[in-house]
Amino acid sequence: MTEVSMTRPRPIIGQKYTTQDGDTITEISFVAYGDARRYVELALHNADVPGFNAARVIAGLEIDIPEPDYLPMPRGVGGMRGGIGKSFTMRR
């Protein structure tokens, strides 16, 4: 008997993703970005998609997985935003 692997499509940064049964906005964020906390950005970006509701994702909606302005680094340290509020001086 041959074993068949059934895999679900994965959300990929910079591409459209069609939501599947059982998807949640935090799961989509985690798979795409590696950080479930990015769901807010994902929800705001797709707010104009007809039928989209971040609290209850329904199957069959085509949403965007936008390019982030930064990606989280290991151990939760923010990427480019890590330096916000700090001042730097140039050495000669």
PDB file of N, CA and C in Angstrom:
ATOM      1  N   MET A   1       0.849  -1.179   0.000  1.00  0.00           N
ATOM      2  CA  MET A   1       0.000   0.000   0.000  1.00  0.00           C
ATOM      3  C   MET A   1       0.897   1.245   0.000  1.00  0.00           C
ATOM      4  N   THR A   2       0.570   2.224  -0.816  1.00  0.00           N
ATOM      5  CA  THR A   2       1.335   3.455  -0.908  1.00  0.00           C
ATOM      6  C   THR A   2       0.758   4.490   0.048  1.00  0.00           C
ATOM      7  N   GLU A   3       1.636   5.120   0.813  1.00  0.00           N
ATOM      8  CA  GLU A   3       1.194   6.146   1.748  1.00  0.00           C
ATOM      9  C   GLU A   3       1.170   7.499   1.043  1.00  0.00           C
ATOM     10  N   VAL A   4       0.068   8.199   1.150  1.00  0.00           N
ATOM     11  CA  VAL A   4      -0.080   9.503   0.506  1.00  0.00           C
ATOM     12  C   VAL A   4      -0.045  10.569   1.590  1.00  0.00           C
ATOM     13  N   SER A   5       0.815  11.545   1.397  1.00  0.00           N
ATOM     14  CA  SER A   5       0.912  12.638   2.360  1.00  0.00           C
ATOM     15  C   SER A   5       0.012  13.789   1.921  1.00  0.00           C
ATOM     16  N   MET A   6      -0.918  14.142   2.753  1.00  0.00           N
ATOM     17  CA  MET A   6      -1.799  15.272   2.475  1.00  0.00           C
ATOM     18  C   MET A   6      -1.241  16.491   3.210  1.00  0.00           C
ATOM     19  N   THR A   7      -0.813  17.469   2.463  1.00  0.00           N
ATOM     20  CA  THR A   7      -0.285  18.672   3.090  1.00  0.00           C
ATOM     21  C   THR A   7      -1.172  19.852   2.745  1.00  0.00           C
ATOM     22  N   ARG A   8      -1.285  20.726   3.702  1.00  0.00           N
ATOM     23  CA  ARG A   8      -2.058  21.948   3.499  1.00  0.00           C
ATOM     24  C   ARG A   8      -1.158  23.006   2.889  1.00  0.00           C
ATOM     25  N   PRO A   9      -1.728  23.892   2.075  1.00  0.00           N
ATOM     26  CA  PRO A   9      -0.932  25.022   1.588  1.00  0.00           C
ATOM     27  C   PRO A   9      -0.477  25.872   2.768  1.00  0.00           C
ATOM     28  N   ARG A  10       0.723  26.432   2.658  1.00  0.00           N
ATOM     29  CA  ARG A  10       1.262  27.264   3.733  1.00  0.00           C
ATOM     30  C   ARG A  10       1.260  28.720   3.301  1.00  0.00           C
ATOM     31  N   PRO A  11       0.967  29.629   4.228  1.00  0.00           N
ATOM     32  CA  PRO A  11       1.064  31.050   3.893  1.00  0.00           C
ATOM     33  C   PRO A  11       2.532  31.431   3.689  1.00  0.00           C
ATOM     34  N   ILE A  12       2.803  32.151   2.608  1.00  0.00           N
ATOM     35  CA  ILE A  12       4.165  32.557   2.268  1.00  0.00           C
ATOM     36  C   ILE A  12       4.217  34.070   2.151  1.00  0.00           C
ATOM     37  N   ILE A  13       5.213  34.676   2.773  1.00  0.00           N
ATOM     38  CA  ILE A  13       5.371  36.127   2.755  1.00  0.00           C
ATOM     39  C   ILE A  13       5.431  36.628   1.322  1.00  0.00           C
ATOM     40  N   GLY A  14       4.666  37.691   1.059  1.00  0.00           N
ATOM     41  CA  GLY A  14       4.659  38.319  -0.255  1.00  0.00           C
ATOM     42  C   GLY A  14       3.724  37.669  -1.257  1.00  0.00           C
ATOM     43  N   GLN A  15       2.935  36.701  -0.818  1.00  0.00           N
ATOM     44  CA  GLN A  15       2.010  36.024  -1.727  1.00  0.00           C
ATOM     45  C   GLN A  15       0.598  36.036  -1.160  1.00  0.00           C
ATOM     46  N   LYS A  16      -0.355  35.689  -2.016  1.00  0.00           N
ATOM     47  CA  LYS A  16      -1.734  35.526  -1.562  1.00  0.00           C
ATOM     48  C   LYS A  16      -1.866  34.140  -0.935  1.00  0.00           C
ATOM     49  N   TYR A  17      -2.796  34.028  -0.001  1.00  0.00           N
ATOM     50  CA  TYR A  17      -3.056  32.759   0.674  1.00  0.00           C
ATOM     51  C   TYR A  17      -4.562  32.567   0.768  1.00  0.00           C
ATOM     52  N   THR A  18      -5.033  31.390   0.381  1.00  0.00           N
ATOM     53  CA  THR A  18      -6.450  31.073   0.509  1.00  0.00           C
ATOM     54  C   THR A  18      -6.653  30.342   1.831  1.00  0.00           C
ATOM     55  N   THR A  19      -7.496  30.926   2.687  1.00  0.00           N
ATOM     56  CA  THR A  19      -7.697  30.370   4.022  1.00  0.00           C
ATOM     57  C   THR A  19      -8.347  28.987   3.932  1.00  0.00           C
ATOM     58  N   GLN A  20      -7.997  28.149   4.898  1.00  0.00           N
ATOM     59  CA  GLN A  20      -8.459  26.761   4.955  1.00  0.00           C
ATOM     60  C   GLN A  20      -9.333  26.562   6.198  1.00  0.00           C
ATOM     61  N   ASP A  21     -10.108  25.482   6.199  1.00  0.00           N
ATOM     62  CA  ASP A  21     -10.891  25.130   7.390  1.00  0.00           C
ATOM     63  C   ASP A  21      -9.959  25.008   8.584  1.00  0.00           C
ATOM     64  N   GLY A  22     -10.324  25.617   9.689  1.00  0.00           N
ATOM     65  CA  GLY A  22      -9.551  25.513  10.918  1.00  0.00           C
ATOM     66  C   GLY A  22      -8.460  26.557  11.073  1.00  0.00           C
ATOM     67  N   ASP A  23      -8.208  27.378  10.050  1.00  0.00           N
ATOM     68  CA  ASP A  23      -7.191  28.429  10.170  1.00  0.00           C
ATOM     69  C   ASP A  23      -7.597  29.468  11.209  1.00  0.00           C
ATOM     70  N   THR A  24      -6.609  29.989  11.895  1.00  0.00           N
ATOM     71  CA  THR A  24      -6.810  31.151  12.768  1.00  0.00           C
ATOM     72  C   THR A  24      -5.803  32.200  12.337  1.00  0.00           C
ATOM     73  N   ILE A  25      -6.088  33.442  12.651  1.00  0.00           N
ATOM     74  CA  ILE A  25      -5.191  34.527  12.252  1.00  0.00           C
ATOM     75  C   ILE A  25      -3.829  34.392  12.943  1.00  0.00           C
ATOM     76  N   THR A  26      -3.824  33.906  14.177  1.00  0.00           N
ATOM     77  CA  THR A  26      -2.543  33.735  14.869  1.00  0.00           C
ATOM     78  C   THR A  26      -1.740  32.583  14.272  1.00  0.00           C
ATOM     79  N   GLU A  27      -2.415  31.517  13.857  1.00  0.00           N
ATOM     80  CA  GLU A  27      -1.720  30.393  13.220  1.00  0.00           C
ATOM     81  C   GLU A  27      -1.108  30.833  11.886  1.00  0.00           C
ATOM     82  N   ILE A  28      -1.852  31.582  11.093  1.00  0.00           N
ATOM     83  CA  ILE A  28      -1.343  32.075   9.813  1.00  0.00           C
ATOM     84  C   ILE A  28      -0.128  32.961  10.052  1.00  0.00           C
ATOM     85  N   SER A  29      -0.206  33.839  11.049  1.00  0.00           N
ATOM     86  CA  SER A  29       0.915  34.717  11.385  1.00  0.00           C
ATOM     87  C   SER A  29       2.133  33.921  11.823  1.00  0.00           C
ATOM     88  N   PHE A  30       1.919  32.908  12.643  1.00  0.00           N
ATOM     89  CA  PHE A  30       3.032  32.100  13.129  1.00  0.00           C
ATOM     90  C   PHE A  30       3.725  31.356  11.992  1.00  0.00           C
ATOM     91  N   VAL A  31       2.938  30.745  11.115  1.00  0.00           N
ATOM     92  CA  VAL A  31       3.522  29.978  10.014  1.00  0.00           C
ATOM     93  C   VAL A  31       4.242  30.898   9.031  1.00  0.00           C
ATOM     94  N   ALA A  32       3.649  32.044   8.716  1.00  0.00           N
ATOM     95  CA  ALA A  32       4.250  32.961   7.738  1.00  0.00           C
ATOM     96  C   ALA A  32       5.459  33.702   8.297  1.00  0.00           C
ATOM     97  N   TYR A  33       5.334  34.227   9.514  1.00  0.00           N
ATOM     98  CA  TYR A  33       6.358  35.116  10.071  1.00  0.00           C
ATOM     99  C   TYR A  33       7.200  34.505  11.182  1.00  0.00           C
ATOM    100  N   GLY A  34       6.741  33.375  11.724  1.00  0.00           N
ATOM    101  CA  GLY A  34       7.449  32.795  12.855  1.00  0.00           C
ATOM    102  C   GLY A  34       7.103  33.473  14.164  1.00  0.00           C
ATOM    103  N   ASP A  35       6.059  34.284  14.159  1.00  0.00           N
ATOM    104  CA  ASP A  35       5.659  35.043  15.351  1.00  0.00           C
ATOM    105  C   ASP A  35       4.150  35.251  15.312  1.00  0.00           C
ATOM    106  N   ALA A  36       3.424  34.546  16.171  1.00  0.00           N
ATOM    107  CA  ALA A  36       1.963  34.648  16.195  1.00  0.00           C
ATOM    108  C   ALA A  36       1.486  36.038  16.593  1.00  0.00           C
ATOM    109  N   ARG A  37       2.347  36.797  17.285  1.00  0.00           N
ATOM    110  CA  ARG A  37       1.954  38.147  17.725  1.00  0.00           C
ATOM    111  C   ARG A  37       1.803  39.120  16.566  1.00  0.00           C
ATOM    112  N   ARG A  38       2.242  38.754  15.387  1.00  0.00           N
ATOM    113  CA  ARG A  38       2.127  39.632  14.221  1.00  0.00           C
ATOM    114  C   ARG A  38       0.733  39.591  13.609  1.00  0.00           C
ATOM    115  N   TYR A  39      -0.212  38.907  14.268  1.00  0.00           N
ATOM    116  CA  TYR A  39      -1.560  38.791  13.731  1.00  0.00           C
ATOM    117  C   TYR A  39      -2.226  40.146  13.557  1.00  0.00           C
ATOM    118  N   VAL A  40      -1.878  41.119  14.386  1.00  0.00           N
ATOM    119  CA  VAL A  40      -2.509  42.437  14.297  1.00  0.00           C
ATOM    120  C   VAL A  40      -2.176  43.084  12.955  1.00  0.00           C
ATOM    121  N   GLU A  41      -0.909  43.046  12.562  1.00  0.00           N
ATOM    122  CA  GLU A  41      -0.507  43.609  11.273  1.00  0.00           C
ATOM    123  C   GLU A  41      -1.204  42.894  10.125  1.00  0.00           C
ATOM    124  N   LEU A  42      -1.282  41.573  10.213  1.00  0.00           N
ATOM    125  CA  LEU A  42      -1.935  40.780   9.176  1.00  0.00           C
ATOM    126  C   LEU A  42      -3.421  41.132   9.093  1.00  0.00           C
ATOM    127  N   ALA A  43      -4.067  41.261  10.237  1.00  0.00           N
ATOM    128  CA  ALA A  43      -5.494  41.601  10.268  1.00  0.00           C
ATOM    129  C   ALA A  43      -5.740  43.003   9.707  1.00  0.00           C
ATOM    130  N   LEU A  44      -4.932  43.968  10.091  1.00  0.00           N
ATOM    131  CA  LEU A  44      -5.104  45.333   9.585  1.00  0.00           C
ATOM    132  C   LEU A  44      -4.875  45.401   8.078  1.00  0.00           C
ATOM    133  N   HIS A  45      -3.877  44.685   7.603  1.00  0.00           N
ATOM    134  CA  HIS A  45      -3.570  44.695   6.169  1.00  0.00           C
ATOM    135  C   HIS A  45      -4.720  44.125   5.341  1.00  0.00           C
ATOM    136  N   ASN A  46      -5.448  43.155   5.888  1.00  0.00           N
ATOM    137  CA  ASN A  46      -6.521  42.484   5.145  1.00  0.00           C
ATOM    138  C   ASN A  46      -7.919  42.932   5.551  1.00  0.00           C
ATOM    139  N   ALA A  47      -8.017  44.027   6.285  1.00  0.00           N
ATOM    140  CA  ALA A  47      -9.307  44.498   6.784  1.00  0.00           C
ATOM    141  C   ALA A  47     -10.315  44.783   5.672  1.00  0.00           C
ATOM    142  N   ASP A  48      -9.848  45.142   4.481  1.00  0.00           N
ATOM    143  CA  ASP A  48     -10.754  45.481   3.377  1.00  0.00           C
ATOM    144  C   ASP A  48     -11.172  44.278   2.529  1.00  0.00           C
ATOM    145  N   VAL A  49     -10.676  43.103   2.852  1.00  0.00           N
ATOM    146  CA  VAL A  49     -11.060  41.904   2.102  1.00  0.00           C
ATOM    147  C   VAL A  49     -12.505  41.559   2.467  1.00  0.00           C
ATOM    148  N   PRO A  50     -13.395  41.492   1.459  1.00  0.00           N
ATOM    149  CA  PRO A  50     -14.797  41.177   1.757  1.00  0.00           C
ATOM    150  C   PRO A  50     -14.939  39.854   2.509  1.00  0.00           C
ATOM    151  N   GLY A  51     -15.649  39.877   3.629  1.00  0.00           N
ATOM    152  CA  GLY A  51     -15.883  38.681   4.425  1.00  0.00           C
ATOM    153  C   GLY A  51     -14.802  38.367   5.437  1.00  0.00           C
ATOM    154  N   PHE A  52     -13.703  39.151   5.438  1.00  0.00           N
ATOM    155  CA  PHE A  52     -12.612  38.871   6.369  1.00  0.00           C
ATOM    156  C   PHE A  52     -12.957  39.366   7.764  1.00  0.00           C
ATOM    157  N   ASN A  53     -12.791  38.490   8.739  1.00  0.00           N
ATOM    158  CA  ASN A  53     -12.988  38.817  10.144  1.00  0.00           C
ATOM    159  C   ASN A  53     -11.881  38.089  10.909  1.00  0.00           C
ATOM    160  N   ALA A  54     -10.971  38.838  11.483  1.00  0.00           N
ATOM    161  CA  ALA A  54      -9.822  38.232  12.157  1.00  0.00           C
ATOM    162  C   ALA A  54     -10.240  37.326  13.310  1.00  0.00           C
ATOM    163  N   ALA A  55     -11.361  37.620  13.929  1.00  0.00           N
ATOM    164  CA  ALA A  55     -11.812  36.818  15.068  1.00  0.00           C
ATOM    165  C   ALA A  55     -12.365  35.464  14.621  1.00  0.00           C
ATOM    166  N   ARG A  56     -12.800  35.379  13.385  1.00  0.00           N
ATOM    167  CA  ARG A  56     -13.384  34.130  12.882  1.00  0.00           C
ATOM    168  C   ARG A  56     -13.046  33.995  11.402  1.00  0.00           C
ATOM    169  N   VAL A  57     -11.897  33.392  11.128  1.00  0.00           N
ATOM    170  CA  VAL A  57     -11.435  33.225   9.748  1.00  0.00           C
ATOM    171  C   VAL A  57     -12.244  32.113   9.090  1.00  0.00           C
ATOM    172  N   ILE A  58     -12.840  32.425   7.944  1.00  0.00           N
ATOM    173  CA  ILE A  58     -13.610  31.411   7.230  1.00  0.00           C
ATOM    174  C   ILE A  58     -12.805  30.890   6.042  1.00  0.00           C
ATOM    175  N   ALA A  59     -13.039  29.656   5.688  1.00  0.00           N
ATOM    176  CA  ALA A  59     -12.306  29.022   4.591  1.00  0.00           C
ATOM    177  C   ALA A  59     -12.681  29.649   3.255  1.00  0.00           C
ATOM    178  N   GLY A  60     -11.688  29.729   2.369  1.00  0.00           N
ATOM    179  CA  GLY A  60     -11.944  30.191   1.012  1.00  0.00           C
ATOM    180  C   GLY A  60     -11.646  31.647   0.742  1.00  0.00           C
ATOM    181  N   LEU A  61     -11.265  32.408   1.757  1.00  0.00           N
ATOM    182  CA  LEU A  61     -10.928  33.820   1.536  1.00  0.00           C
ATOM    183  C   LEU A  61      -9.498  33.934   1.042  1.00  0.00           C
ATOM    184  N   GLU A  62      -9.277  34.805   0.071  1.00  0.00           N
ATOM    185  CA  GLU A  62      -7.926  35.039  -0.426  1.00  0.00           C
ATOM    186  C   GLU A  62      -7.390  36.299   0.252  1.00  0.00           C
ATOM    187  N   ILE A  63      -6.361  36.113   1.090  1.00  0.00           N
ATOM    188  CA  ILE A  63      -5.776  37.233   1.819  1.00  0.00           C
ATOM    189  C   ILE A  63      -4.319  37.421   1.395  1.00  0.00           C
ATOM    190  N   ASP A  64      -3.800  38.604   1.658  1.00  0.00           N
ATOM    191  CA  ASP A  64      -2.397  38.898   1.383  1.00  0.00           C
ATOM    192  C   ASP A  64      -1.558  38.578   2.612  1.00  0.00           C
ATOM    193  N   ILE A  65      -0.374  38.061   2.387  1.00  0.00           N
ATOM    194  CA  ILE A  65       0.616  37.895   3.443  1.00  0.00           C
ATOM    195  C   ILE A  65       1.690  38.949   3.131  1.00  0.00           C
ATOM    196  N   PRO A  66       1.559  40.143   3.722  1.00  0.00           N
ATOM    197  CA  PRO A  66       2.428  41.256   3.326  1.00  0.00           C
ATOM    198  C   PRO A  66       3.875  41.082   3.776  1.00  0.00           C
ATOM    199  N   GLU A  67       4.767  41.725   3.030  1.00  0.00           N
ATOM    200  CA  GLU A  67       6.166  41.788   3.425  1.00  0.00           C
ATOM    201  C   GLU A  67       6.243  42.598   4.716  1.00  0.00           C
ATOM    202  N   PRO A  68       6.889  42.088   5.736  1.00  0.00           N
ATOM    203  CA  PRO A  68       6.991  42.840   7.000  1.00  0.00           C
ATOM    204  C   PRO A  68       8.079  43.907   6.907  1.00  0.00           C
ATOM    205  N   ASP A  69       7.983  44.908   7.770  1.00  0.00           N
ATOM    206  CA  ASP A  69       9.043  45.911   7.811  1.00  0.00           C
ATOM    207  C   ASP A  69      10.228  45.391   8.607  1.00  0.00           C
ATOM    208  N   TYR A  70      10.031  44.316   9.339  1.00  0.00           N
ATOM    209  CA  TYR A  70      11.119  43.632  10.034  1.00  0.00           C
ATOM    210  C   TYR A  70      10.638  42.239  10.399  1.00  0.00           C
ATOM    211  N   LEU A  71      11.571  41.348  10.636  1.00  0.00           N
ATOM    212  CA  LEU A  71      11.231  40.015  11.119  1.00  0.00           C
ATOM    213  C   LEU A  71      11.839  39.831  12.498  1.00  0.00           C
ATOM    214  N   PRO A  72      11.174  39.074  13.363  1.00  0.00           N
ATOM    215  CA  PRO A  72      11.746  38.854  14.690  1.00  0.00           C
ATOM    216  C   PRO A  72      13.041  38.065  14.599  1.00  0.00           C
ATOM    217  N   MET A  73      13.958  38.384  15.481  1.00  0.00           N
ATOM    218  CA  MET A  73      15.212  37.668  15.548  1.00  0.00           C
ATOM    219  C   MET A  73      15.108  36.613  16.641  1.00  0.00           C
ATOM    220  N   PRO A  74      16.053  35.695  16.728  1.00  0.00           N
ATOM    221  CA  PRO A  74      15.974  34.653  17.766  1.00  0.00           C
ATOM    222  C   PRO A  74      15.800  35.236  19.171  1.00  0.00           C
ATOM    223  N   ARG A  75      15.101  34.502  19.994  1.00  0.00           N
ATOM    224  CA  ARG A  75      14.817  34.862  21.392  1.00  0.00           C
ATOM    225  C   ARG A  75      13.946  36.114  21.514  1.00  0.00           C
ATOM    226  N   GLY A  76      13.163  36.443  20.469  1.00  0.00           N
ATOM    227  CA  GLY A  76      12.190  37.526  20.567  1.00  0.00           C
ATOM    228  C   GLY A  76      12.734  38.924  20.454  1.00  0.00           C
ATOM    229  N   VAL A  77      14.011  39.083  20.117  1.00  0.00           N
ATOM    230  CA  VAL A  77      14.563  40.427  19.976  1.00  0.00           C
ATOM    231  C   VAL A  77      14.067  40.993  18.655  1.00  0.00           C
ATOM    232  N   GLY A  78      13.498  42.206  18.671  1.00  0.00           N
ATOM    233  CA  GLY A  78      12.972  42.817  17.449  1.00  0.00           C
ATOM    234  C   GLY A  78      14.069  43.117  16.463  1.00  0.00           C
ATOM    235  N   GLY A  79      13.806  42.903  15.197  1.00  0.00           N
ATOM    236  CA  GLY A  79      14.777  43.151  14.141  1.00  0.00           C
ATOM    237  C   GLY A  79      15.158  44.615  14.050  1.00  0.00           C
ATOM    238  N   MET A  80      14.770  45.275  12.983  1.00  0.00           N
ATOM    239  CA  MET A  80      15.176  46.656  12.757  1.00  0.00           C
ATOM    240  C   MET A  80      14.595  47.617  13.792  1.00  0.00           C
ATOM    241  N   ARG A  81      13.481  47.281  14.389  1.00  0.00           N
ATOM    242  CA  ARG A  81      12.861  48.171  15.363  1.00  0.00           C
ATOM    243  C   ARG A  81      13.583  48.163  16.705  1.00  0.00           C
ATOM    244  N   GLY A  82      14.529  47.278  16.882  1.00  0.00           N
ATOM    245  CA  GLY A  82      15.236  47.171  18.153  1.00  0.00           C
ATOM    246  C   GLY A  82      15.959  48.438  18.552  1.00  0.00           C
ATOM    247  N   GLY A  83      16.298  49.312  17.584  1.00  0.00           N
ATOM    248  CA  GLY A  83      17.041  50.527  17.885  1.00  0.00           C
ATOM    249  C   GLY A  83      16.181  51.766  18.035  1.00  0.00           C
ATOM    250  N   ILE A  84      14.872  51.626  17.973  1.00  0.00           N
ATOM    251  CA  ILE A  84      13.997  52.792  18.080  1.00  0.00           C
ATOM    252  C   ILE A  84      14.173  53.454  19.437  1.00  0.00           C
ATOM    253  N   GLY A  85      14.287  54.757  19.428  1.00  0.00           N
ATOM    254  CA  GLY A  85      14.414  55.526  20.658  1.00  0.00           C
ATOM    255  C   GLY A  85      15.837  55.672  21.150  1.00  0.00           C
ATOM    256  N   LYS A  86      16.770  55.024  20.516  1.00  0.00           N
ATOM    257  CA  LYS A  86      18.176  55.133  20.933  1.00  0.00           C
ATOM    258  C   LYS A  86      18.859  56.151  20.038  1.00  0.00           C
ATOM    259  N   SER A  87      19.832  56.837  20.566  1.00  0.00           N
ATOM    260  CA  SER A  87      20.597  57.772  19.733  1.00  0.00           C
ATOM    261  C   SER A  87      21.991  57.203  19.487  1.00  0.00           C
ATOM    262  N   PHE A  88      22.520  57.511  18.354  1.00  0.00           N
ATOM    263  CA  PHE A  88      23.834  57.022  17.971  1.00  0.00           C
ATOM    264  C   PHE A  88      24.681  58.199  17.551  1.00  0.00           C
ATOM    265  N   THR A  89      25.987  58.113  17.785  1.00  0.00           N
ATOM    266  CA  THR A  89      26.895  59.147  17.306  1.00  0.00           C
ATOM    267  C   THR A  89      27.917  58.511  16.395  1.00  0.00           C
ATOM    268  N   MET A  90      28.325  59.270  15.400  1.00  0.00           N
ATOM    269  CA  MET A  90      29.318  58.780  14.447  1.00  0.00           C
ATOM    270  C   MET A  90      30.708  59.079  14.978  1.00  0.00           C
ATOM    271  N   ARG A  91      31.585  58.108  14.869  1.00  0.00           N
ATOM    272  CA  ARG A  91      32.976  58.305  15.274  1.00  0.00           C
ATOM    273  C   ARG A  91      33.783  58.722  14.061  1.00  0.00           C
ATOM    274  N   ARG A  92      34.798  59.533  14.289  1.00  0.00           N
ATOM    275  CA  ARG A  92      35.685  59.922  13.183  1.00  0.00           C
ATOM    276  C   ARG A  92      36.901  59.080  13.154  1.00  0.00           C
TER     277      ARG A  92
END
